Amino acid sequence: MTRQRTILIVDDNFMNRRLVSAMLNGTLYRLIEKDSGREGLDYALNHREELDLVLLDIGMPDISGTEVCRSIREHETRDRRLPVIAYTAHAMSEERRSFLNAGFDDILIKPITRNEFLAVLEKHLN
């Protein structure tokens, strides 16, 4: 039996979180939503073992997704790397490189399609 995977989405935009939730409807993924970088970071650090992947918006008003990703990487152990995906409208190649250098495993450029989103999840969770 396939176990349910848990995804943390951190995005200050309610509609973006609703869109991701709708894309996961009918799948084996469980979604946990946080609306600020600080809330997302706190949840990721305190519930690390229950998370399978983190989807982070880059531009949030309190702390950026890049800062959240760096903090997650600073606190992780060698035995388990949590996949962290950037979720952003910033698509320039230089920006993409800086996201990957900050520790992101992949980048989704908004707007995303359901197929594109599910393909990235499968890539990092299987």
PDB file of N, CA and C in Angstrom:
ATOM      1  N   MET A   1       0.837  -1.184   0.000  1.00  0.00           N
ATOM      2  CA  MET A   1       0.000   0.000   0.000  1.00  0.00           C
ATOM      3  C   MET A   1       0.885   1.252   0.000  1.00  0.00           C
ATOM      4  N   THR A   2       0.549   2.213  -0.817  1.00  0.00           N
ATOM      5  CA  THR A   2       1.297   3.460  -0.908  1.00  0.00           C
ATOM      6  C   THR A   2       0.887   4.382   0.233  1.00  0.00           C
ATOM      7  N   ARG A   3       1.888   4.934   0.917  1.00  0.00           N
ATOM      8  CA  ARG A   3       1.563   5.834   2.023  1.00  0.00           C
ATOM      9  C   ARG A   3       1.312   7.247   1.508  1.00  0.00           C
ATOM     10  N   GLN A   4       0.484   7.949   2.239  1.00  0.00           N
ATOM     11  CA  GLN A   4       0.177   9.324   1.895  1.00  0.00           C
ATOM     12  C   GLN A   4       1.409  10.187   2.139  1.00  0.00           C
ATOM     13  N   ARG A   5       1.733  11.050   1.189  1.00  0.00           N
ATOM     14  CA  ARG A   5       2.871  11.961   1.313  1.00  0.00           C
ATOM     15  C   ARG A   5       2.385  13.317   1.789  1.00  0.00           C
ATOM     16  N   THR A   6       3.189  13.966   2.624  1.00  0.00           N
ATOM     17  CA  THR A   6       2.808  15.253   3.201  1.00  0.00           C
ATOM     18  C   THR A   6       3.650  16.366   2.601  1.00  0.00           C
ATOM     19  N   ILE A   7       2.964  17.368   2.077  1.00  0.00           N
ATOM     20  CA  ILE A   7       3.606  18.514   1.439  1.00  0.00           C
ATOM     21  C   ILE A   7       3.256  19.771   2.225  1.00  0.00           C
ATOM     22  N   LEU A   8       4.272  20.555   2.538  1.00  0.00           N
ATOM     23  CA  LEU A   8       4.079  21.858   3.172  1.00  0.00           C
ATOM     24  C   LEU A   8       4.180  22.919   2.087  1.00  0.00           C
ATOM     25  N   ILE A   9       3.124  23.721   1.920  1.00  0.00           N
ATOM     26  CA  ILE A   9       3.193  24.862   1.006  1.00  0.00           C
ATOM     27  C   ILE A   9       3.235  26.126   1.850  1.00  0.00           C
ATOM     28  N   VAL A  10       4.199  26.980   1.525  1.00  0.00           N
ATOM     29  CA  VAL A  10       4.365  28.248   2.233  1.00  0.00           C
ATOM     30  C   VAL A  10       4.230  29.357   1.194  1.00  0.00           C
ATOM     31  N   ASP A  11       3.120  30.085   1.272  1.00  0.00           N
ATOM     32  CA  ASP A  11       2.837  31.153   0.311  1.00  0.00           C
ATOM     33  C   ASP A  11       1.911  32.154   0.992  1.00  0.00           C
ATOM     34  N   ASP A  12       2.240  33.433   0.917  1.00  0.00           N
ATOM     35  CA  ASP A  12       1.411  34.455   1.554  1.00  0.00           C
ATOM     36  C   ASP A  12       0.137  34.739   0.767  1.00  0.00           C
ATOM     37  N   ASN A  13       0.030  34.222  -0.451  1.00  0.00           N
ATOM     38  CA  ASN A  13      -1.138  34.460  -1.293  1.00  0.00           C
ATOM     39  C   ASN A  13      -2.137  33.312  -1.147  1.00  0.00           C
ATOM     40  N   PHE A  14      -3.299  33.629  -0.589  1.00  0.00           N
ATOM     41  CA  PHE A  14      -4.332  32.622  -0.349  1.00  0.00           C
ATOM     42  C   PHE A  14      -4.727  31.899  -1.635  1.00  0.00           C
ATOM     43  N   MET A  15      -4.897  32.633  -2.729  1.00  0.00           N
ATOM     44  CA  MET A  15      -5.340  32.018  -3.987  1.00  0.00           C
ATOM     45  C   MET A  15      -4.301  31.035  -4.526  1.00  0.00           C
ATOM     46  N   ASN A  16      -3.026  31.326  -4.365  1.00  0.00           N
ATOM     47  CA  ASN A  16      -1.992  30.379  -4.793  1.00  0.00           C
ATOM     48  C   ASN A  16      -2.078  29.089  -3.983  1.00  0.00           C
ATOM     49  N   ARG A  17      -2.322  29.221  -2.683  1.00  0.00           N
ATOM     50  CA  ARG A  17      -2.462  28.023  -1.846  1.00  0.00           C
ATOM     51  C   ARG A  17      -3.700  27.228  -2.240  1.00  0.00           C
ATOM     52  N   ARG A  18      -4.798  27.916  -2.553  1.00  0.00           N
ATOM     53  CA  ARG A  18      -6.032  27.240  -2.991  1.00  0.00           C
ATOM     54  C   ARG A  18      -5.804  26.503  -4.308  1.00  0.00           C
ATOM     55  N   LEU A  19      -5.060  27.127  -5.219  1.00  0.00           N
ATOM     56  CA  LEU A  19      -4.772  26.499  -6.512  1.00  0.00           C
ATOM     57  C   LEU A  19      -3.987  25.205  -6.319  1.00  0.00           C
ATOM     58  N   VAL A  20      -2.964  25.240  -5.495  1.00  0.00           N
ATOM     59  CA  VAL A  20      -2.167  24.036  -5.226  1.00  0.00           C
ATOM     60  C   VAL A  20      -3.037  22.972  -4.568  1.00  0.00           C
ATOM     61  N   SER A  21      -3.876  23.383  -3.638  1.00  0.00           N
ATOM     62  CA  SER A  21      -4.778  22.442  -2.977  1.00  0.00           C
ATOM     63  C   SER A  21      -5.697  21.771  -3.995  1.00  0.00           C
ATOM     64  N   ALA A  22      -6.238  22.552  -4.920  1.00  0.00           N
ATOM     65  CA  ALA A  22      -7.118  21.994  -5.957  1.00  0.00           C
ATOM     66  C   ALA A  22      -6.363  21.018  -6.856  1.00  0.00           C
ATOM     67  N   MET A  23      -5.108  21.318  -7.162  1.00  0.00           N
ATOM     68  CA  MET A  23      -4.305  20.430  -8.003  1.00  0.00           C
ATOM     69  C   MET A  23      -4.051  19.087  -7.327  1.00  0.00           C
ATOM     70  N   LEU A  24      -4.011  19.089  -6.000  1.00  0.00           N
ATOM     71  CA  LEU A  24      -3.740  17.855  -5.260  1.00  0.00           C
ATOM     72  C   LEU A  24      -5.011  17.084  -4.920  1.00  0.00           C
ATOM     73  N   ASN A  25      -6.159  17.661  -5.229  1.00  0.00           N
ATOM     74  CA  ASN A  25      -7.425  16.995  -4.950  1.00  0.00           C
ATOM     75  C   ASN A  25      -7.484  15.654  -5.688  1.00  0.00           C
ATOM     76  N   GLY A  26      -7.824  14.607  -4.966  1.00  0.00           N
ATOM     77  CA  GLY A  26      -7.923  13.282  -5.575  1.00  0.00           C
ATOM     78  C   GLY A  26      -6.606  12.539  -5.666  1.00  0.00           C
ATOM     79  N   THR A  27      -5.555  13.066  -5.043  1.00  0.00           N
ATOM     80  CA  THR A  27      -4.250  12.396  -5.044  1.00  0.00           C
ATOM     81  C   THR A  27      -3.965  11.850  -3.645  1.00  0.00           C
ATOM     82  N   LEU A  28      -2.845  11.169  -3.516  1.00  0.00           N
ATOM     83  CA  LEU A  28      -2.437  10.646  -2.211  1.00  0.00           C
ATOM     84  C   LEU A  28      -1.581  11.639  -1.428  1.00  0.00           C
ATOM     85  N   TYR A  29      -1.620  12.909  -1.817  1.00  0.00           N
ATOM     86  CA  TYR A  29      -0.836  13.922  -1.127  1.00  0.00           C
ATOM     87  C   TYR A  29      -1.691  14.660  -0.106  1.00  0.00           C
ATOM     88  N   ARG A  30      -1.121  14.883   1.072  1.00  0.00           N
ATOM     89  CA  ARG A  30      -1.764  15.677   2.122  1.00  0.00           C
ATOM     90  C   ARG A  30      -1.054  17.020   2.154  1.00  0.00           C
ATOM     91  N   LEU A  31      -1.816  18.087   2.177  1.00  0.00           N
ATOM     92  CA  LEU A  31      -1.252  19.431   2.108  1.00  0.00           C
ATOM     93  C   LEU A  31      -1.393  20.141   3.447  1.00  0.00           C
ATOM     94  N   ILE A  32      -0.291  20.736   3.888  1.00  0.00           N
ATOM     95  CA  ILE A  32      -0.289  21.610   5.059  1.00  0.00           C
ATOM     96  C   ILE A  32       0.055  22.999   4.540  1.00  0.00           C
ATOM     97  N   GLU A  33      -0.749  23.986   4.903  1.00  0.00           N
ATOM     98  CA  GLU A  33      -0.574  25.341   4.382  1.00  0.00           C
ATOM     99  C   GLU A  33      -0.121  26.306   5.474  1.00  0.00           C
ATOM    100  N   LYS A  34       0.857  27.133   5.126  1.00  0.00           N
ATOM    101  CA  LYS A  34       1.300  28.228   5.997  1.00  0.00           C
ATOM    102  C   LYS A  34       1.371  29.487   5.144  1.00  0.00           C
ATOM    103  N   ASP A  35       0.987  30.630   5.743  1.00  0.00           N
ATOM    104  CA  ASP A  35       0.885  31.853   4.947  1.00  0.00           C
ATOM    105  C   ASP A  35       2.003  32.862   5.168  1.00  0.00           C
ATOM    106  N   SER A  36       3.078  32.440   5.835  1.00  0.00           N
ATOM    107  CA  SER A  36       4.225  33.342   5.986  1.00  0.00           C
ATOM    108  C   SER A  36       5.507  32.522   6.046  1.00  0.00           C
ATOM    109  N   GLY A  37       6.596  33.164   5.708  1.00  0.00           N
ATOM    110  CA  GLY A  37       7.884  32.487   5.751  1.00  0.00           C
ATOM    111  C   GLY A  37       8.241  32.011   7.151  1.00  0.00           C
ATOM    112  N   ARG A  38       7.990  32.846   8.147  1.00  0.00           N
ATOM    113  CA  ARG A  38       8.316  32.462   9.530  1.00  0.00           C
ATOM    114  C   ARG A  38       7.482  31.267  10.000  1.00  0.00           C
ATOM    115  N   GLU A  39       6.185  31.288   9.703  1.00  0.00           N
ATOM    116  CA  GLU A  39       5.330  30.153  10.077  1.00  0.00           C
ATOM    117  C   GLU A  39       5.786  28.883   9.373  1.00  0.00           C
ATOM    118  N   GLY A  40       6.102  29.015   8.095  1.00  0.00           N
ATOM    119  CA  GLY A  40       6.549  27.860   7.324  1.00  0.00           C
ATOM    120  C   GLY A  40       7.852  27.291   7.843  1.00  0.00           C
ATOM    121  N   LEU A  41       8.798  28.170   8.152  1.00  0.00           N
ATOM    122  CA  LEU A  41      10.089  27.720   8.674  1.00  0.00           C
ATOM    123  C   LEU A  41       9.907  27.034  10.022  1.00  0.00           C
ATOM    124  N   ASP A  42       9.128  27.641  10.888  1.00  0.00           N
ATOM    125  CA  ASP A  42       8.874  27.052  12.202  1.00  0.00           C
ATOM    126  C   ASP A  42       8.251  25.659  12.055  1.00  0.00           C
ATOM    127  N   TYR A  43       7.280  25.543  11.170  1.00  0.00           N
ATOM    128  CA  TYR A  43       6.628  24.245  10.980  1.00  0.00           C
ATOM    129  C   TYR A  43       7.617  23.229  10.409  1.00  0.00           C
ATOM    130  N   ALA A  44       8.369  23.636   9.413  1.00  0.00           N
ATOM    131  CA  ALA A  44       9.325  22.711   8.781  1.00  0.00           C
ATOM    132  C   ALA A  44      10.359  22.207   9.781  1.00  0.00           C
ATOM    133  N   LEU A  45      10.853  23.080  10.637  1.00  0.00           N
ATOM    134  CA  LEU A  45      11.877  22.670  11.598  1.00  0.00           C
ATOM    135  C   LEU A  45      11.313  21.811  12.723  1.00  0.00           C
ATOM    136  N   ASN A  46      10.072  22.059  13.112  1.00  0.00           N
ATOM    137  CA  ASN A  46       9.480  21.333  14.232  1.00  0.00           C
ATOM    138  C   ASN A  46       8.704  20.078  13.841  1.00  0.00           C
ATOM    139  N   HIS A  47       8.438  19.905  12.547  1.00  0.00           N
ATOM    140  CA  HIS A  47       7.683  18.742  12.074  1.00  0.00           C
ATOM    141  C   HIS A  47       8.412  18.054  10.923  1.00  0.00           C
ATOM    142  N   ARG A  48       9.705  18.164  10.935  1.00  0.00           N
ATOM    143  CA  ARG A  48      10.561  17.685   9.857  1.00  0.00           C
ATOM    144  C   ARG A  48      10.290  16.234   9.465  1.00  0.00           C
ATOM    145  N   GLU A  49      10.107  15.369  10.447  1.00  0.00           N
ATOM    146  CA  GLU A  49       9.957  13.938  10.168  1.00  0.00           C
ATOM    147  C   GLU A  49       8.654  13.599   9.464  1.00  0.00           C
ATOM    148  N   GLU A  50       7.632  14.426   9.610  1.00  0.00           N
ATOM    149  CA  GLU A  50       6.359  14.124   8.960  1.00  0.00           C
ATOM    150  C   GLU A  50       6.251  14.722   7.557  1.00  0.00           C
ATOM    151  N   LEU A  51       7.199  15.580   7.186  1.00  0.00           N
ATOM    152  CA  LEU A  51       7.150  16.222   5.866  1.00  0.00           C
ATOM    153  C   LEU A  51       7.911  15.413   4.824  1.00  0.00           C
ATOM    154  N   ASP A  52       7.358  15.393   3.614  1.00  0.00           N
ATOM    155  CA  ASP A  52       8.023  14.734   2.494  1.00  0.00           C
ATOM    156  C   ASP A  52       8.559  15.731   1.478  1.00  0.00           C
ATOM    157  N   LEU A  53       8.001  16.952   1.462  1.00  0.00           N
ATOM    158  CA  LEU A  53       8.428  17.963   0.500  1.00  0.00           C
ATOM    159  C   LEU A  53       7.908  19.315   0.960  1.00  0.00           C
ATOM    160  N   VAL A  54       8.665  20.376   0.630  1.00  0.00           N
ATOM    161  CA  VAL A  54       8.246  21.750   0.933  1.00  0.00           C
ATOM    162  C   VAL A  54       8.189  22.530  -0.374  1.00  0.00           C
ATOM    163  N   LEU A  55       7.077  23.230  -0.582  1.00  0.00           N
ATOM    164  CA  LEU A  55       6.891  24.106  -1.734  1.00  0.00           C
ATOM    165  C   LEU A  55       6.889  25.533  -1.200  1.00  0.00           C
ATOM    166  N   LEU A  56       7.892  26.331  -1.613  1.00  0.00           N
ATOM    167  CA  LEU A  56       8.098  27.667  -1.035  1.00  0.00           C
ATOM    168  C   LEU A  56       7.946  28.773  -2.063  1.00  0.00           C
ATOM    169  N   ASP A  57       7.054  29.709  -1.773  1.00  0.00           N
ATOM    170  CA  ASP A  57       7.003  30.942  -2.543  1.00  0.00           C
ATOM    171  C   ASP A  57       8.287  31.717  -2.240  1.00  0.00           C
ATOM    172  N   ILE A  58       8.817  32.399  -3.220  1.00  0.00           N
ATOM    173  CA  ILE A  58      10.052  33.164  -3.010  1.00  0.00           C
ATOM    174  C   ILE A  58       9.767  34.515  -2.365  1.00  0.00           C
ATOM    175  N   GLY A  59       8.796  35.250  -2.892  1.00  0.00           N
ATOM    176  CA  GLY A  59       8.548  36.611  -2.429  1.00  0.00           C
ATOM    177  C   GLY A  59       7.468  36.700  -1.377  1.00  0.00           C
ATOM    178  N   MET A  60       7.868  36.621  -0.116  1.00  0.00           N
ATOM    179  CA  MET A  60       6.919  36.777   0.989  1.00  0.00           C
ATOM    180  C   MET A  60       7.330  37.993   1.804  1.00  0.00           C
ATOM    181  N   PRO A  61       6.370  38.668   2.439  1.00  0.00           N
ATOM    182  CA  PRO A  61       6.688  39.930   3.111  1.00  0.00           C
ATOM    183  C   PRO A  61       7.567  39.819   4.354  1.00  0.00           C
ATOM    184  N   ASP A  62       7.494  38.712   5.086  1.00  0.00           N
ATOM    185  CA  ASP A  62       8.277  38.655   6.327  1.00  0.00           C
ATOM    186  C   ASP A  62       9.700  38.168   6.080  1.00  0.00           C
ATOM    187  N   ILE A  63       9.875  36.957   5.599  1.00  0.00           N
ATOM    188  CA  ILE A  63      11.194  36.479   5.170  1.00  0.00           C
ATOM    189  C   ILE A  63      11.010  35.743   3.851  1.00  0.00           C
ATOM    190  N   SER A  64      11.997  35.820   3.015  1.00  0.00           N
ATOM    191  CA  SER A  64      11.878  35.249   1.674  1.00  0.00           C
ATOM    192  C   SER A  64      11.944  33.725   1.709  1.00  0.00           C
ATOM    193  N   GLY A  65      11.413  33.126   0.655  1.00  0.00           N
ATOM    194  CA  GLY A  65      11.515  31.682   0.511  1.00  0.00           C
ATOM    195  C   GLY A  65      12.959  31.224   0.458  1.00  0.00           C
ATOM    196  N   THR A  66      13.831  32.048  -0.106  1.00  0.00           N
ATOM    197  CA  THR A  66      15.252  31.710  -0.165  1.00  0.00           C
ATOM    198  C   THR A  66      15.840  31.617   1.238  1.00  0.00           C
ATOM    199  N   GLU A  67      15.487  32.558   2.109  1.00  0.00           N
ATOM    200  CA  GLU A  67      15.966  32.513   3.498  1.00  0.00           C
ATOM    201  C   GLU A  67      15.416  31.292   4.227  1.00  0.00           C
ATOM    202  N   VAL A  68      14.155  30.969   3.986  1.00  0.00           N
ATOM    203  CA  VAL A  68      13.548  29.785   4.610  1.00  0.00           C
ATOM    204  C   VAL A  68      14.288  28.531   4.164  1.00  0.00           C
ATOM    205  N   CYS A  69      14.558  28.428   2.866  1.00  0.00           N
ATOM    206  CA  CYS A  69      15.271  27.262   2.338  1.00  0.00           C
ATOM    207  C   CYS A  69      16.654  27.135   2.968  1.00  0.00           C
ATOM    208  N   ARG A  70      17.381  28.233   3.032  1.00  0.00           N
ATOM    209  CA  ARG A  70      18.722  28.189   3.642  1.00  0.00           C
ATOM    210  C   ARG A  70      18.658  27.716   5.091  1.00  0.00           C
ATOM    211  N   SER A  71      17.675  28.197   5.837  1.00  0.00           N
ATOM    212  CA  SER A  71      17.535  27.781   7.242  1.00  0.00           C
ATOM    213  C   SER A  71      17.184  26.303   7.355  1.00  0.00           C
ATOM    214  N   ILE A  72      16.328  25.816   6.477  1.00  0.00           N
ATOM    215  CA  ILE A  72      16.000  24.384   6.477  1.00  0.00           C
ATOM    216  C   ILE A  72      17.267  23.580   6.226  1.00  0.00           C
ATOM    217  N   ARG A  73      18.058  24.002   5.247  1.00  0.00           N
ATOM    218  CA  ARG A  73      19.296  23.280   4.911  1.00  0.00           C
ATOM    219  C   ARG A  73      20.291  23.312   6.075  1.00  0.00           C
ATOM    220  N   GLU A  74      20.375  24.423   6.781  1.00  0.00           N
ATOM    221  CA  GLU A  74      21.302  24.530   7.920  1.00  0.00           C
ATOM    222  C   GLU A  74      20.941  23.574   9.052  1.00  0.00           C
ATOM    223  N   HIS A  75      19.675  23.223   9.169  1.00  0.00           N
ATOM    224  CA  HIS A  75      19.212  22.384  10.276  1.00  0.00           C
ATOM    225  C   HIS A  75      19.002  20.920   9.905  1.00  0.00           C
ATOM    226  N   GLU A  76      19.227  20.564   8.650  1.00  0.00           N
ATOM    227  CA  GLU A  76      18.950  19.171   8.296  1.00  0.00           C
ATOM    228  C   GLU A  76      20.127  18.267   8.627  1.00  0.00           C
ATOM    229  N   THR A  77      19.815  17.001   8.746  1.00  0.00           N
ATOM    230  CA  THR A  77      20.838  16.009   9.054  1.00  0.00           C
ATOM    231  C   THR A  77      21.305  15.345   7.768  1.00  0.00           C
ATOM    232  N   ARG A  78      22.435  14.685   7.840  1.00  0.00           N
ATOM    233  CA  ARG A  78      22.995  14.024   6.661  1.00  0.00           C
ATOM    234  C   ARG A  78      22.137  12.867   6.163  1.00  0.00           C
ATOM    235  N   ASP A  79      21.401  12.239   7.066  1.00  0.00           N
ATOM    236  CA  ASP A  79      20.661  11.039   6.686  1.00  0.00           C
ATOM    237  C   ASP A  79      19.353  11.315   5.947  1.00  0.00           C
ATOM    238  N   ARG A  80      18.884  12.563   5.938  1.00  0.00           N
ATOM    239  CA  ARG A  80      17.620  12.840   5.253  1.00  0.00           C
ATOM    240  C   ARG A  80      17.593  14.270   4.729  1.00  0.00           C
ATOM    241  N   ARG A  81      17.561  14.390   3.414  1.00  0.00           N
ATOM    242  CA  ARG A  81      17.438  15.703   2.782  1.00  0.00           C
ATOM    243  C   ARG A  81      15.981  15.894   2.374  1.00  0.00           C
ATOM    244  N   LEU A  82      15.371  16.931   2.906  1.00  0.00           N
ATOM    245  CA  LEU A  82      13.988  17.253   2.593  1.00  0.00           C
ATOM    246  C   LEU A  82      13.942  18.004   1.262  1.00  0.00           C
ATOM    247  N   PRO A  83      13.224  17.492   0.261  1.00  0.00           N
ATOM    248  CA  PRO A  83      13.119  18.222  -1.003  1.00  0.00           C
ATOM    249  C   PRO A  83      12.401  19.558  -0.795  1.00  0.00           C
ATOM    250  N   VAL A  84      13.015  20.634  -1.298  1.00  0.00           N
ATOM    251  CA  VAL A  84      12.437  21.970  -1.197  1.00  0.00           C
ATOM    252  C   VAL A  84      12.359  22.540  -2.610  1.00  0.00           C
ATOM    253  N   ILE A  85      11.139  22.913  -3.009  1.00  0.00           N
ATOM    254  CA  ILE A  85      10.880  23.398  -4.357  1.00  0.00           C
ATOM    255  C   ILE A  85      10.525  24.879  -4.300  1.00  0.00           C
ATOM    256  N   ALA A  86      11.202  25.692  -5.115  1.00  0.00           N
ATOM    257  CA  ALA A  86      10.865  27.111  -5.232  1.00  0.00           C
ATOM    258  C   ALA A  86       9.617  27.240  -6.098  1.00  0.00           C
ATOM    259  N   TYR A  87       8.720  28.127  -5.694  1.00  0.00           N
ATOM    260  CA  TYR A  87       7.453  28.357  -6.384  1.00  0.00           C
ATOM    261  C   TYR A  87       7.383  29.860  -6.614  1.00  0.00           C
ATOM    262  N   THR A  88       7.663  30.293  -7.851  1.00  0.00           N
ATOM    263  CA  THR A  88       7.912  31.716  -8.070  1.00  0.00           C
ATOM    264  C   THR A  88       7.510  32.176  -9.464  1.00  0.00           C
ATOM    265  N   ALA A  89       7.359  33.465  -9.618  1.00  0.00           N
ATOM    266  CA  ALA A  89       7.125  34.059 -10.930  1.00  0.00           C
ATOM    267  C   ALA A  89       8.437  34.530 -11.556  1.00  0.00           C
ATOM    268  N   HIS A  90       9.538  34.420 -10.822  1.00  0.00           N
ATOM    269  CA  HIS A  90      10.849  34.871 -11.296  1.00  0.00           C
ATOM    270  C   HIS A  90      11.493  33.787 -12.152  1.00  0.00           C
ATOM    271  N   ALA A  91      11.615  34.051 -13.454  1.00  0.00           N
ATOM    272  CA  ALA A  91      12.050  32.994 -14.364  1.00  0.00           C
ATOM    273  C   ALA A  91      13.378  33.263 -15.063  1.00  0.00           C
ATOM    274  N   MET A  92      14.048  34.346 -14.755  1.00  0.00           N
ATOM    275  CA  MET A  92      15.316  34.640 -15.418  1.00  0.00           C
ATOM    276  C   MET A  92      16.352  33.586 -15.031  1.00  0.00           C
ATOM    277  N   SER A  93      17.228  33.241 -15.971  1.00  0.00           N
ATOM    278  CA  SER A  93      18.186  32.160 -15.720  1.00  0.00           C
ATOM    279  C   SER A  93      19.114  32.477 -14.545  1.00  0.00           C
ATOM    280  N   GLU A  94      19.490  33.728 -14.373  1.00  0.00           N
ATOM    281  CA  GLU A  94      20.344  34.107 -13.242  1.00  0.00           C
ATOM    282  C   GLU A  94      19.614  33.887 -11.913  1.00  0.00           C
ATOM    283  N   GLU A  95      18.333  34.234 -11.884  1.00  0.00           N
ATOM    284  CA  GLU A  95      17.534  34.012 -10.673  1.00  0.00           C
ATOM    285  C   GLU A  95      17.397  32.519 -10.391  1.00  0.00           C
ATOM    286  N   ARG A  96      17.172  31.742 -11.431  1.00  0.00           N
ATOM    287  CA  ARG A  96      17.037  30.291 -11.266  1.00  0.00           C
ATOM    288  C   ARG A  96      18.316  29.707 -10.666  1.00  0.00           C
ATOM    289  N   ARG A  97      19.462  30.151 -11.165  1.00  0.00           N
ATOM    290  CA  ARG A  97      20.748  29.679 -10.619  1.00  0.00           C
ATOM    291  C   ARG A  97      20.883  30.044  -9.145  1.00  0.00           C
ATOM    292  N   SER A  98      20.484  31.264  -8.792  1.00  0.00           N
ATOM    293  CA  SER A  98      20.615  31.682  -7.390  1.00  0.00           C
ATOM    294  C   SER A  98      19.700  30.855  -6.486  1.00  0.00           C
ATOM    295  N   PHE A  99      18.523  30.465  -6.970  1.00  0.00           N
ATOM    296  CA  PHE A  99      17.628  29.614  -6.173  1.00  0.00           C
ATOM    297  C   PHE A  99      18.262  28.248  -5.946  1.00  0.00           C
ATOM    298  N   LEU A 100      18.822  27.672  -6.985  1.00  0.00           N
ATOM    299  CA  LEU A 100      19.462  26.358  -6.852  1.00  0.00           C
ATOM    300  C   LEU A 100      20.680  26.450  -5.935  1.00  0.00           C
ATOM    301  N   ASN A 101      21.442  27.528  -6.044  1.00  0.00           N
ATOM    302  CA  ASN A 101      22.603  27.725  -5.167  1.00  0.00           C
ATOM    303  C   ASN A 101      22.194  27.915  -3.705  1.00  0.00           C
ATOM    304  N   ALA A 102      20.985  28.406  -3.478  1.00  0.00           N
ATOM    305  CA  ALA A 102      20.488  28.603  -2.107  1.00  0.00           C
ATOM    306  C   ALA A 102      20.038  27.291  -1.467  1.00  0.00           C
ATOM    307  N   GLY A 103      19.947  26.225  -2.270  1.00  0.00           N
ATOM    308  CA  GLY A 103      19.579  24.931  -1.701  1.00  0.00           C
ATOM    309  C   GLY A 103      18.277  24.346  -2.195  1.00  0.00           C
ATOM    310  N   PHE A 104      17.587  25.049  -3.083  1.00  0.00           N
ATOM    311  CA  PHE A 104      16.355  24.485  -3.642  1.00  0.00           C
ATOM    312  C   PHE A 104      16.696  23.294  -4.530  1.00  0.00           C
ATOM    313  N   ASP A 105      15.812  22.309  -4.531  1.00  0.00           N
ATOM    314  CA  ASP A 105      16.007  21.126  -5.366  1.00  0.00           C
ATOM    315  C   ASP A 105      15.437  21.303  -6.761  1.00  0.00           C
ATOM    316  N   ASP A 106      14.468  22.186  -6.903  1.00  0.00           N
ATOM    317  CA  ASP A 106      13.820  22.393  -8.192  1.00  0.00           C
ATOM    318  C   ASP A 106      13.093  23.723  -8.135  1.00  0.00           C
ATOM    319  N   ILE A 107      12.589  24.168  -9.300  1.00  0.00           N
ATOM    320  CA  ILE A 107      11.894  25.444  -9.393  1.00  0.00           C
ATOM    321  C   ILE A 107      10.644  25.261 -10.236  1.00  0.00           C
ATOM    322  N   LEU A 108       9.520  25.722  -9.734  1.00  0.00           N
ATOM    323  CA  LEU A 108       8.279  25.781 -10.500  1.00  0.00           C
ATOM    324  C   LEU A 108       7.983  27.248 -10.769  1.00  0.00           C
ATOM    325  N   ILE A 109       7.771  27.575 -12.040  1.00  0.00           N
ATOM    326  CA  ILE A 109       7.497  28.954 -12.428  1.00  0.00           C
ATOM    327  C   ILE A 109       5.983  29.148 -12.544  1.00  0.00           C
ATOM    328  N   LYS A 110       5.461  30.122 -11.800  1.00  0.00           N
ATOM    329  CA  LYS A 110       4.031  30.440 -11.847  1.00  0.00           C
ATOM    330  C   LYS A 110       3.699  31.104 -13.174  1.00  0.00           C
ATOM    331  N   PRO A 111       2.557  30.853 -13.737  1.00  0.00           N
ATOM    332  CA  PRO A 111       1.545  29.890 -13.302  1.00  0.00           C
ATOM    333  C   PRO A 111       1.955  28.468 -13.697  1.00  0.00           C
ATOM    334  N   ILE A 112       1.546  27.499 -12.898  1.00  0.00           N
ATOM    335  CA  ILE A 112       1.890  26.108 -13.179  1.00  0.00           C
ATOM    336  C   ILE A 112       0.636  25.324 -13.544  1.00  0.00           C
ATOM    337  N   THR A 113       0.849  24.247 -14.290  1.00  0.00           N
ATOM    338  CA  THR A 113      -0.251  23.345 -14.610  1.00  0.00           C
ATOM    339  C   THR A 113      -0.237  22.181 -13.627  1.00  0.00           C
ATOM    340  N   ARG A 114      -1.340  21.493 -13.544  1.00  0.00           N
ATOM    341  CA  ARG A 114      -1.430  20.335 -12.650  1.00  0.00           C
ATOM    342  C   ARG A 114      -0.416  19.269 -13.060  1.00  0.00           C
ATOM    343  N   ASN A 115      -0.317  18.989 -14.360  1.00  0.00           N
ATOM    344  CA  ASN A 115       0.621  17.964 -14.833  1.00  0.00           C
ATOM    345  C   ASN A 115       2.061  18.322 -14.506  1.00  0.00           C
ATOM    346  N   GLU A 116       2.402  19.571 -14.689  1.00  0.00           N
ATOM    347  CA  GLU A 116       3.752  20.053 -14.374  1.00  0.00           C
ATOM    348  C   GLU A 116       4.041  19.881 -12.876  1.00  0.00           C
ATOM    349  N   PHE A 117       3.082  20.260 -12.049  1.00  0.00           N
ATOM    350  CA  PHE A 117       3.231  20.165 -10.600  1.00  0.00           C
ATOM    351  C   PHE A 117       3.377  18.712 -10.158  1.00  0.00           C
ATOM    352  N   LEU A 118       2.495  17.847 -10.643  1.00  0.00           N
ATOM    353  CA  LEU A 118       2.558  16.435 -10.258  1.00  0.00           C
ATOM    354  C   LEU A 118       3.848  15.780 -10.740  1.00  0.00           C
ATOM    355  N   ALA A 119       4.346  16.185 -11.904  1.00  0.00           N
ATOM    356  CA  ALA A 119       5.610  15.630 -12.418  1.00  0.00           C
ATOM    357  C   ALA A 119       6.776  15.984 -11.492  1.00  0.00           C
ATOM    358  N   VAL A 120       6.811  17.211 -10.992  1.00  0.00           N
ATOM    359  CA  VAL A 120       7.878  17.618 -10.070  1.00  0.00           C
ATOM    360  C   VAL A 120       7.755  16.853  -8.751  1.00  0.00           C
ATOM    361  N   LEU A 121       6.539  16.668  -8.273  1.00  0.00           N
ATOM    362  CA  LEU A 121       6.345  15.892  -7.041  1.00  0.00           C
ATOM    363  C   LEU A 121       6.841  14.462  -7.225  1.00  0.00           C
ATOM    364  N   GLU A 122       6.453  13.834  -8.317  1.00  0.00           N
ATOM    365  CA  GLU A 122       6.882  12.453  -8.585  1.00  0.00           C
ATOM    366  C   GLU A 122       8.405  12.360  -8.681  1.00  0.00           C
ATOM    367  N   LYS A 123       9.006  13.334  -9.334  1.00  0.00           N
ATOM    368  CA  LYS A 123      10.464  13.348  -9.503  1.00  0.00           C
ATOM    369  C   LYS A 123      11.184  13.344  -8.156  1.00  0.00           C
ATOM    370  N   HIS A 124      10.674  14.095  -7.201  1.00  0.00           N
ATOM    371  CA  HIS A 124      11.372  14.252  -5.927  1.00  0.00           C
ATOM    372  C   HIS A 124      10.886  13.318  -4.823  1.00  0.00           C
ATOM    373  N   LEU A 125       9.766  12.663  -5.040  1.00  0.00           N
ATOM    374  CA  LEU A 125       9.225  11.797  -3.993  1.00  0.00           C
ATOM    375  C   LEU A 125       9.324  10.314  -4.324  1.00  0.00           C
ATOM    376  N   ASN A 126       9.780   9.976  -5.503  1.00  0.00           N
ATOM    377  CA  ASN A 126       9.904   8.561  -5.877  1.00  0.00           C
ATOM    378  C   ASN A 126      11.317   8.207  -6.265  1.00  0.00           C
TER     379      ASN A 126
END
